[in-house]
Amino acid sequence: MMAPDYAWWHGFYECKARFNSFMEEADHLIENGQKAYIYPNYPNATGDTTKPPKIFGAQ
């Protein structure tokens, strides 16, 4: 699975499919004027770059 043809064609397809899904959702949110859902269970999903103390401890 590390062959260049496998990594390129299958890997590129996966990246492009995820990018297309992301852009479709972004376009939908822009057209409707909605805000994106904030995932509370995923650290830094809100764009905040501070390290979560729950994972990294008090800094």
PDB file of N, CA and C in Angstrom:
ATOM      1  N   MET A   1       0.809  -1.194   0.000  1.00  0.00           N
ATOM      2  CA  MET A   1       0.000   0.000   0.000  1.00  0.00           C
ATOM      3  C   MET A   1       0.857   1.266   0.000  1.00  0.00           C
ATOM      4  N   MET A   2       2.146   1.125   0.030  1.00  0.00           N
ATOM      5  CA  MET A   2       3.023   2.298   0.005  1.00  0.00           C
ATOM      6  C   MET A   2       3.565   2.574  -1.393  1.00  0.00           C
ATOM      7  N   ALA A   3       3.109   1.812  -2.376  1.00  0.00           N
ATOM      8  CA  ALA A   3       3.571   2.042  -3.742  1.00  0.00           C
ATOM      9  C   ALA A   3       3.134   3.431  -4.197  1.00  0.00           C
ATOM     10  N   PRO A   4       3.972   4.104  -4.990  1.00  0.00           N
ATOM     11  CA  PRO A   4       3.635   5.472  -5.412  1.00  0.00           C
ATOM     12  C   PRO A   4       2.286   5.578  -6.119  1.00  0.00           C
ATOM     13  N   ASP A   5       1.961   4.601  -6.958  1.00  0.00           N
ATOM     14  CA  ASP A   5       0.677   4.695  -7.660  1.00  0.00           C
ATOM     15  C   ASP A   5      -0.489   4.568  -6.687  1.00  0.00           C
ATOM     16  N   TYR A   6      -0.387   3.675  -5.726  1.00  0.00           N
ATOM     17  CA  TYR A   6      -1.458   3.506  -4.741  1.00  0.00           C
ATOM     18  C   TYR A   6      -1.582   4.757  -3.872  1.00  0.00           C
ATOM     19  N   ALA A   7      -0.444   5.245  -3.387  1.00  0.00           N
ATOM     20  CA  ALA A   7      -0.465   6.430  -2.515  1.00  0.00           C
ATOM     21  C   ALA A   7      -1.012   7.645  -3.266  1.00  0.00           C
ATOM     22  N   TRP A   8      -0.639   7.808  -4.517  1.00  0.00           N
ATOM     23  CA  TRP A   8      -1.092   8.973  -5.268  1.00  0.00           C
ATOM     24  C   TRP A   8      -2.565   8.877  -5.622  1.00  0.00           C
ATOM     25  N   TRP A   9      -2.952   7.815  -6.312  1.00  0.00           N
ATOM     26  CA  TRP A   9      -4.316   7.761  -6.818  1.00  0.00           C
ATOM     27  C   TRP A   9      -5.337   7.571  -5.719  1.00  0.00           C
ATOM     28  N   HIS A  10      -5.076   6.637  -4.818  1.00  0.00           N
ATOM     29  CA  HIS A  10      -6.046   6.414  -3.752  1.00  0.00           C
ATOM     30  C   HIS A  10      -5.979   7.515  -2.705  1.00  0.00           C
ATOM     31  N   GLY A  11      -4.781   7.970  -2.387  1.00  0.00           N
ATOM     32  CA  GLY A  11      -4.631   9.055  -1.416  1.00  0.00           C
ATOM     33  C   GLY A  11      -5.200  10.365  -1.929  1.00  0.00           C
ATOM     34  N   PHE A  12      -4.941  10.676  -3.194  1.00  0.00           N
ATOM     35  CA  PHE A  12      -5.446  11.922  -3.763  1.00  0.00           C
ATOM     36  C   PHE A  12      -6.966  11.905  -3.834  1.00  0.00           C
ATOM     37  N   TYR A  13      -7.531  10.756  -4.183  1.00  0.00           N
ATOM     38  CA  TYR A  13      -8.986  10.656  -4.239  1.00  0.00           C
ATOM     39  C   TYR A  13      -9.601  10.948  -2.869  1.00  0.00           C
ATOM     40  N   GLU A  14      -9.008  10.365  -1.818  1.00  0.00           N
ATOM     41  CA  GLU A  14      -9.529  10.578  -0.464  1.00  0.00           C
ATOM     42  C   GLU A  14      -9.452  12.051  -0.071  1.00  0.00           C
ATOM     43  N   CYS A  15      -8.324  12.694  -0.372  1.00  0.00           N
ATOM     44  CA  CYS A  15      -8.177  14.122  -0.051  1.00  0.00           C
ATOM     45  C   CYS A  15      -9.181  14.965  -0.831  1.00  0.00           C
ATOM     46  N   LYS A  16      -9.323  14.680  -2.106  1.00  0.00           N
ATOM     47  CA  LYS A  16     -10.237  15.459  -2.948  1.00  0.00           C
ATOM     48  C   LYS A  16     -11.692  15.247  -2.523  1.00  0.00           C
ATOM     49  N   ALA A  17     -12.055  14.026  -2.179  1.00  0.00           N
ATOM     50  CA  ALA A  17     -13.432  13.757  -1.749  1.00  0.00           C
ATOM     51  C   ALA A  17     -13.749  14.499  -0.455  1.00  0.00           C
ATOM     52  N   ARG A  18     -12.814  14.498   0.487  1.00  0.00           N
ATOM     53  CA  ARG A  18     -13.042  15.219   1.747  1.00  0.00           C
ATOM     54  C   ARG A  18     -13.073  16.729   1.514  1.00  0.00           C
ATOM     55  N   PHE A  19     -12.213  17.231   0.644  1.00  0.00           N
ATOM     56  CA  PHE A  19     -12.201  18.663   0.332  1.00  0.00           C
ATOM     57  C   PHE A  19     -13.528  19.074  -0.306  1.00  0.00           C
ATOM     58  N   ASN A  20     -14.023  18.270  -1.237  1.00  0.00           N
ATOM     59  CA  ASN A  20     -15.297  18.588  -1.891  1.00  0.00           C
ATOM     60  C   ASN A  20     -16.443  18.602  -0.889  1.00  0.00           C
ATOM     61  N   SER A  21     -16.434  17.665   0.038  1.00  0.00           N
ATOM     62  CA  SER A  21     -17.470  17.628   1.070  1.00  0.00           C
ATOM     63  C   SER A  21     -17.396  18.868   1.949  1.00  0.00           C
ATOM     64  N   PHE A  22     -16.186  19.240   2.330  1.00  0.00           N
ATOM     65  CA  PHE A  22     -15.979  20.433   3.153  1.00  0.00           C
ATOM     66  C   PHE A  22     -16.451  21.688   2.423  1.00  0.00           C
ATOM     67  N   MET A  23     -16.084  21.833   1.154  1.00  0.00           N
ATOM     68  CA  MET A  23     -16.468  23.024   0.396  1.00  0.00           C
ATOM     69  C   MET A  23     -17.981  23.079   0.161  1.00  0.00           C
ATOM     70  N   GLU A  24     -18.606  21.931  -0.040  1.00  0.00           N
ATOM     71  CA  GLU A  24     -20.059  21.905  -0.210  1.00  0.00           C
ATOM     72  C   GLU A  24     -20.754  22.397   1.059  1.00  0.00           C
ATOM     73  N   GLU A  25     -20.274  21.941   2.211  1.00  0.00           N
ATOM     74  CA  GLU A  25     -20.858  22.390   3.472  1.00  0.00           C
ATOM     75  C   GLU A  25     -20.595  23.879   3.701  1.00  0.00           C
ATOM     76  N   ALA A  26     -19.387  24.337   3.382  1.00  0.00           N
ATOM     77  CA  ALA A  26     -19.056  25.751   3.547  1.00  0.00           C
ATOM     78  C   ALA A  26     -19.936  26.627   2.653  1.00  0.00           C
ATOM     79  N   ASP A  27     -20.132  26.220   1.404  1.00  0.00           N
ATOM     80  CA  ASP A  27     -20.995  26.978   0.500  1.00  0.00           C
ATOM     81  C   ASP A  27     -22.427  27.030   1.025  1.00  0.00           C
ATOM     82  N   HIS A  28     -22.904  25.921   1.561  1.00  0.00           N
ATOM     83  CA  HIS A  28     -24.262  25.883   2.114  1.00  0.00           C
ATOM     84  C   HIS A  28     -24.398  26.859   3.288  1.00  0.00           C
ATOM     85  N   LEU A  29     -23.401  26.868   4.172  1.00  0.00           N
ATOM     86  CA  LEU A  29     -23.450  27.774   5.322  1.00  0.00           C
ATOM     87  C   LEU A  29     -23.392  29.235   4.884  1.00  0.00           C
ATOM     88  N   ILE A  30     -22.581  29.528   3.883  1.00  0.00           N
ATOM     89  CA  ILE A  30     -22.465  30.909   3.390  1.00  0.00           C
ATOM     90  C   ILE A  30     -23.773  31.359   2.735  1.00  0.00           C
ATOM     91  N   GLU A  31     -24.361  30.488   1.923  1.00  0.00           N
ATOM     92  CA  GLU A  31     -25.602  30.843   1.232  1.00  0.00           C
ATOM     93  C   GLU A  31     -26.750  31.098   2.207  1.00  0.00           C
ATOM     94  N   ASN A  32     -26.798  30.331   3.289  1.00  0.00           N
ATOM     95  CA  ASN A  32     -27.897  30.459   4.244  1.00  0.00           C
ATOM     96  C   ASN A  32     -27.584  31.386   5.405  1.00  0.00           C
ATOM     97  N   GLY A  33     -26.369  31.884   5.480  1.00  0.00           N
ATOM     98  CA  GLY A  33     -25.988  32.778   6.554  1.00  0.00           C
ATOM     99  C   GLY A  33     -25.933  32.099   7.909  1.00  0.00           C
ATOM    100  N   GLN A  34     -25.728  30.791   7.912  1.00  0.00           N
ATOM    101  CA  GLN A  34     -25.678  30.037   9.160  1.00  0.00           C
ATOM    102  C   GLN A  34     -24.253  29.990   9.697  1.00  0.00           C
ATOM    103  N   LYS A  35     -24.153  29.717  10.987  1.00  0.00           N
ATOM    104  CA  LYS A  35     -22.846  29.503  11.593  1.00  0.00           C
ATOM    105  C   LYS A  35     -22.584  28.011  11.660  1.00  0.00           C
ATOM    106  N   ALA A  36     -21.328  27.655  11.596  1.00  0.00           N
ATOM    107  CA  ALA A  36     -20.955  26.242  11.669  1.00  0.00           C
ATOM    108  C   ALA A  36     -21.175  25.716  13.079  1.00  0.00           C
ATOM    109  N   TYR A  37     -21.449  24.439  13.174  1.00  0.00           N
ATOM    110  CA  TYR A  37     -21.645  23.797  14.471  1.00  0.00           C
ATOM    111  C   TYR A  37     -20.304  23.705  15.191  1.00  0.00           C
ATOM    112  N   ILE A  38     -20.281  24.060  16.460  1.00  0.00           N
ATOM    113  CA  ILE A  38     -19.062  23.970  17.258  1.00  0.00           C
ATOM    114  C   ILE A  38     -19.108  22.638  17.999  1.00  0.00           C
ATOM    115  N   TYR A  39     -18.125  21.817  17.758  1.00  0.00           N
ATOM    116  CA  TYR A  39     -18.057  20.498  18.374  1.00  0.00           C
ATOM    117  C   TYR A  39     -17.422  20.616  19.748  1.00  0.00           C
ATOM    118  N   PRO A  40     -18.209  20.513  20.822  1.00  0.00           N
ATOM    119  CA  PRO A  40     -17.660  20.717  22.166  1.00  0.00           C
ATOM    120  C   PRO A  40     -16.710  19.611  22.615  1.00  0.00           C
ATOM    121  N   ASN A  41     -16.808  18.428  22.033  1.00  0.00           N
ATOM    122  CA  ASN A  41     -15.964  17.316  22.465  1.00  0.00           C
ATOM    123  C   ASN A  41     -14.615  17.262  21.763  1.00  0.00           C
ATOM    124  N   TYR A  42     -14.360  18.177  20.838  1.00  0.00           N
ATOM    125  CA  TYR A  42     -13.107  18.187  20.105  1.00  0.00           C
ATOM    126  C   TYR A  42     -12.337  19.453  20.441  1.00  0.00           C
ATOM    127  N   PRO A  43     -11.213  19.317  21.143  1.00  0.00           N
ATOM    128  CA  PRO A  43     -10.423  20.508  21.493  1.00  0.00           C
ATOM    129  C   PRO A  43      -9.962  21.258  20.244  1.00  0.00           C
ATOM    130  N   ASN A  44      -9.948  22.541  20.324  1.00  0.00           N
ATOM    131  CA  ASN A  44      -9.495  23.438  19.257  1.00  0.00           C
ATOM    132  C   ASN A  44     -10.368  23.395  18.012  1.00  0.00           C
ATOM    133  N   ALA A  45     -11.573  22.858  18.099  1.00  0.00           N
ATOM    134  CA  ALA A  45     -12.473  22.844  16.953  1.00  0.00           C
ATOM    135  C   ALA A  45     -13.079  24.222  16.708  1.00  0.00           C
ATOM    136  N   THR A  46     -12.889  25.140  17.640  1.00  0.00           N
ATOM    137  CA  THR A  46     -13.470  26.470  17.518  1.00  0.00           C
ATOM    138  C   THR A  46     -12.491  27.482  16.936  1.00  0.00           C
ATOM    139  N   GLY A  47     -11.265  27.072  16.648  1.00  0.00           N
ATOM    140  CA  GLY A  47     -10.258  27.983  16.133  1.00  0.00           C
ATOM    141  C   GLY A  47      -9.377  28.558  17.219  1.00  0.00           C
ATOM    142  N   ASP A  48      -9.690  28.270  18.474  1.00  0.00           N
ATOM    143  CA  ASP A  48      -8.871  28.737  19.592  1.00  0.00           C
ATOM    144  C   ASP A  48      -7.593  27.913  19.627  1.00  0.00           C
ATOM    145  N   THR A  49      -6.443  28.566  19.714  1.00  0.00           N
ATOM    146  CA  THR A  49      -5.170  27.850  19.655  1.00  0.00           C
ATOM    147  C   THR A  49      -4.563  27.569  21.017  1.00  0.00           C
ATOM    148  N   THR A  50      -5.259  27.935  22.103  1.00  0.00           N
ATOM    149  CA  THR A  50      -4.714  27.624  23.426  1.00  0.00           C
ATOM    150  C   THR A  50      -4.838  26.118  23.677  1.00  0.00           C
ATOM    151  N   LYS A  51      -3.832  25.568  24.350  1.00  0.00           N
ATOM    152  CA  LYS A  51      -3.829  24.140  24.614  1.00  0.00           C
ATOM    153  C   LYS A  51      -4.844  23.833  25.708  1.00  0.00           C
ATOM    154  N   PRO A  52      -5.724  22.850  25.501  1.00  0.00           N
ATOM    155  CA  PRO A  52      -6.735  22.528  26.497  1.00  0.00           C
ATOM    156  C   PRO A  52      -6.093  21.964  27.763  1.00  0.00           C
ATOM    157  N   PRO A  53      -6.392  22.540  28.933  1.00  0.00           N
ATOM    158  CA  PRO A  53      -5.790  22.052  30.174  1.00  0.00           C
ATOM    159  C   PRO A  53      -6.209  20.616  30.498  1.00  0.00           C
ATOM    160  N   LYS A  54      -7.362  20.184  30.007  1.00  0.00           N
ATOM    161  CA  LYS A  54      -7.813  18.828  30.253  1.00  0.00           C
ATOM    162  C   LYS A  54      -6.835  17.803  29.669  1.00  0.00           C
ATOM    163  N   ILE A  55      -6.188  18.169  28.565  1.00  0.00           N
ATOM    164  CA  ILE A  55      -5.252  17.272  27.905  1.00  0.00           C
ATOM    165  C   ILE A  55      -3.824  17.554  28.312  1.00  0.00           C
ATOM    166  N   PHE A  56      -3.427  18.832  28.335  1.00  0.00           N
ATOM    167  CA  PHE A  56      -2.032  19.205  28.549  1.00  0.00           C
ATOM    168  C   PHE A  56      -1.721  19.605  29.996  1.00  0.00           C
ATOM    169  N   GLY A  57      -2.740  19.663  30.846  1.00  0.00           N
ATOM    170  CA  GLY A  57      -2.522  20.105  32.223  1.00  0.00           C
ATOM    171  C   GLY A  57      -2.426  21.622  32.309  1.00  0.00           C
ATOM    172  N   ALA A  58      -2.369  22.123  33.532  1.00  0.00           N
ATOM    173  CA  ALA A  58      -2.271  23.584  33.722  1.00  0.00           C
ATOM    174  C   ALA A  58      -0.926  24.078  33.216  1.00  0.00           C
ATOM    175  N   GLN A  59      -0.946  25.173  32.517  1.00  0.00           N
ATOM    176  CA  GLN A  59       0.285  25.710  31.918  1.00  0.00           C
ATOM    177  C   GLN A  59       0.762  26.914  32.681  1.00  0.00           C
TER     178      GLN A  59
END
